[in-house]
Structures are given as structure tokens and as C-alpha cells.
Amino acid sequence: MGKLAVGTVVAKSFLSLARVLADSFRRYHPETPFFVLLSDEVDGYFDPASESFQVLRLSDLGIPDLARFRFHYTRQELMYA
């Protein structure tokens, strides 16, 4: 079996849900990496380095013309785009 990684996509206002999901998942799969893709910016809302999971940003994905991408979708839609 290949390597497994798990993740979710949230806006920072839903970060508490990602924390609960990560903690619950890690209870049974402590060896599996867990990632959270943030659909908006940190903006001082929290410290990514203090989280129990790796935080990724949309800018980490190499999306061409990211500003236009963000403009095209609502905050909620960005979590599903």
C-alpha cells in the first residue's frame, strides 16, 4: 500500500472544525500526515506553526492568476473549488 495523507479545506473561521477533525483522525491514525488547506489568508487569526497539522495556503498550490481565482468564487465556494 502506498503512502497515505489526509486533509480538509476550510476558511479560517472554520478552523476549529479542522482541529476537531484532525484530532479525531489522529486518535486512530497517529502516523498519517494531516493537512489543512486554508481557503483564505491567516491574517494573524492564528499561528500555523502551533497547529498539530500542516497548514497549506492556496498560494502553495501554484494556481495561475490566484487573485482572479479568489475574485471569481465566494469564500464558501473557495472551500469547494
C-alpha atoms as a PDB file:
ATOM      1  CA  MET A   1       0.000   0.000   0.000  1.00  0.00           C
ATOM      2  CA  GLY A   2       1.286   3.469  -0.874  1.00  0.00           C
ATOM      3  CA  LYS A   3       1.688   6.356   1.489  1.00  0.00           C
ATOM      4  CA  LEU A   4      -1.486   7.889   2.826  1.00  0.00           C
ATOM      5  CA  ALA A   5      -2.176  11.519   3.707  1.00  0.00           C
ATOM      6  CA  VAL A   6      -5.441  13.123   4.758  1.00  0.00           C
ATOM      7  CA  GLY A   7      -6.657  16.680   4.602  1.00  0.00           C
ATOM      8  CA  THR A   8      -9.509  19.112   4.525  1.00  0.00           C
ATOM      9  CA  VAL A   9     -10.196  22.574   3.138  1.00  0.00           C
ATOM     10  CA  VAL A  10     -11.525  25.326   5.404  1.00  0.00           C
ATOM     11  CA  ALA A  11     -11.744  29.083   5.740  1.00  0.00           C
ATOM     12  CA  LYS A  12     -10.070  30.379   8.897  1.00  0.00           C
ATOM     13  CA  SER A  13     -13.470  30.930  10.516  1.00  0.00           C
ATOM     14  CA  PHE A  14     -13.972  27.145  10.344  1.00  0.00           C
ATOM     15  CA  LEU A  15     -10.530  26.311  11.721  1.00  0.00           C
ATOM     16  CA  SER A  16     -11.991  24.862  14.920  1.00  0.00           C
ATOM     17  CA  LEU A  17     -13.759  22.197  12.844  1.00  0.00           C
ATOM     18  CA  ALA A  18     -10.497  21.267  11.138  1.00  0.00           C
ATOM     19  CA  ARG A  19      -8.817  20.964  14.544  1.00  0.00           C
ATOM     20  CA  VAL A  20     -11.502  18.573  15.799  1.00  0.00           C
ATOM     21  CA  LEU A  21     -11.320  16.535  12.598  1.00  0.00           C
ATOM     22  CA  ALA A  22      -7.523  16.308  12.796  1.00  0.00           C
ATOM     23  CA  ASP A  23      -7.581  15.315  16.471  1.00  0.00           C
ATOM     24  CA  SER A  24     -10.252  12.667  15.882  1.00  0.00           C
ATOM     25  CA  PHE A  25      -8.444  11.236  12.872  1.00  0.00           C
ATOM     26  CA  ARG A  26      -5.085  11.177  14.646  1.00  0.00           C
ATOM     27  CA  ARG A  27      -6.547   9.266  17.567  1.00  0.00           C
ATOM     28  CA  TYR A  28      -6.802   6.211  15.289  1.00  0.00           C
ATOM     29  CA  HIS A  29      -4.139   7.039  12.699  1.00  0.00           C
ATOM     30  CA  PRO A  30      -1.324   8.873  14.519  1.00  0.00           C
ATOM     31  CA  GLU A  31       1.230   8.044  11.827  1.00  0.00           C
ATOM     32  CA  THR A  32      -0.749   9.549   8.942  1.00  0.00           C
ATOM     33  CA  PRO A  33       0.040  13.150   7.937  1.00  0.00           C
ATOM     34  CA  PHE A  34      -2.902  15.541   8.161  1.00  0.00           C
ATOM     35  CA  PHE A  35      -3.105  18.726   6.076  1.00  0.00           C
ATOM     36  CA  VAL A  36      -5.421  21.719   6.201  1.00  0.00           C
ATOM     37  CA  LEU A  37      -5.729  23.863   3.090  1.00  0.00           C
ATOM     38  CA  LEU A  38      -6.771  27.357   4.089  1.00  0.00           C
ATOM     39  CA  SER A  39      -9.101  28.920   1.521  1.00  0.00           C
ATOM     40  CA  ASP A  40      -8.414  32.441   2.785  1.00  0.00           C
ATOM     41  CA  GLU A  41      -5.431  34.113   4.467  1.00  0.00           C
ATOM     42  CA  VAL A  42      -4.119  33.665   8.011  1.00  0.00           C
ATOM     43  CA  ASP A  43      -4.118  37.450   8.614  1.00  0.00           C
ATOM     44  CA  GLY A  44      -2.919  36.990  12.201  1.00  0.00           C
ATOM     45  CA  TYR A  45      -6.010  34.926  13.063  1.00  0.00           C
ATOM     46  CA  PHE A  46      -3.872  32.007  14.262  1.00  0.00           C
ATOM     47  CA  ASP A  47      -0.287  30.746  14.213  1.00  0.00           C
ATOM     48  CA  PRO A  48       0.083  27.943  11.646  1.00  0.00           C
ATOM     49  CA  ALA A  49       3.295  26.752  13.328  1.00  0.00           C
ATOM     50  CA  SER A  50       1.413  25.987  16.549  1.00  0.00           C
ATOM     51  CA  GLU A  51      -1.135  23.693  14.891  1.00  0.00           C
ATOM     52  CA  SER A  52      -0.956  19.895  15.095  1.00  0.00           C
ATOM     53  CA  PHE A  53      -1.252  19.666  11.306  1.00  0.00           C
ATOM     54  CA  GLN A  54       0.471  21.237   8.337  1.00  0.00           C
ATOM     55  CA  VAL A  55      -1.305  24.332   7.053  1.00  0.00           C
ATOM     56  CA  LEU A  56      -1.246  24.927   3.311  1.00  0.00           C
ATOM     57  CA  ARG A  57      -2.388  28.093   1.574  1.00  0.00           C
ATOM     58  CA  LEU A  58      -3.938  28.490  -1.854  1.00  0.00           C
ATOM     59  CA  SER A  59      -0.715  30.207  -2.920  1.00  0.00           C
ATOM     60  CA  ASP A  60       1.121  26.935  -2.169  1.00  0.00           C
ATOM     61  CA  LEU A  61      -0.829  25.224  -4.961  1.00  0.00           C
ATOM     62  CA  GLY A  62       0.571  27.278  -7.826  1.00  0.00           C
ATOM     63  CA  ILE A  63      -2.839  28.328  -9.123  1.00  0.00           C
ATOM     64  CA  PRO A  64      -2.340  30.652 -12.100  1.00  0.00           C
ATOM     65  CA  ASP A  65      -3.747  34.159 -11.553  1.00  0.00           C
ATOM     66  CA  LEU A  66      -4.710  33.445  -7.943  1.00  0.00           C
ATOM     67  CA  ALA A  67      -6.184  36.929  -7.445  1.00  0.00           C
ATOM     68  CA  ARG A  68      -8.674  36.316 -10.250  1.00  0.00           C
ATOM     69  CA  PHE A  69      -9.419  32.839  -8.884  1.00  0.00           C
ATOM     70  CA  ARG A  70     -10.240  34.321  -5.462  1.00  0.00           C
ATOM     71  CA  PHE A  71     -12.393  37.047  -7.046  1.00  0.00           C
ATOM     72  CA  HIS A  72     -14.370  34.521  -9.087  1.00  0.00           C
ATOM     73  CA  TYR A  73     -15.516  32.486  -6.051  1.00  0.00           C
ATOM     74  CA  THR A  74     -17.192  33.403  -2.773  1.00  0.00           C
ATOM     75  CA  ARG A  75     -15.433  32.497   0.461  1.00  0.00           C
ATOM     76  CA  GLN A  76     -17.665  29.437   0.814  1.00  0.00           C
ATOM     77  CA  GLU A  77     -17.155  28.379  -2.806  1.00  0.00           C
ATOM     78  CA  LEU A  78     -13.382  28.589  -2.399  1.00  0.00           C
ATOM     79  CA  MET A  79     -13.606  25.739   0.085  1.00  0.00           C
ATOM     80  CA  TYR A  80     -15.077  23.536  -2.662  1.00  0.00           C
ATOM     81  CA  ALA A  81     -13.440  24.917  -5.834  1.00  0.00           C
END
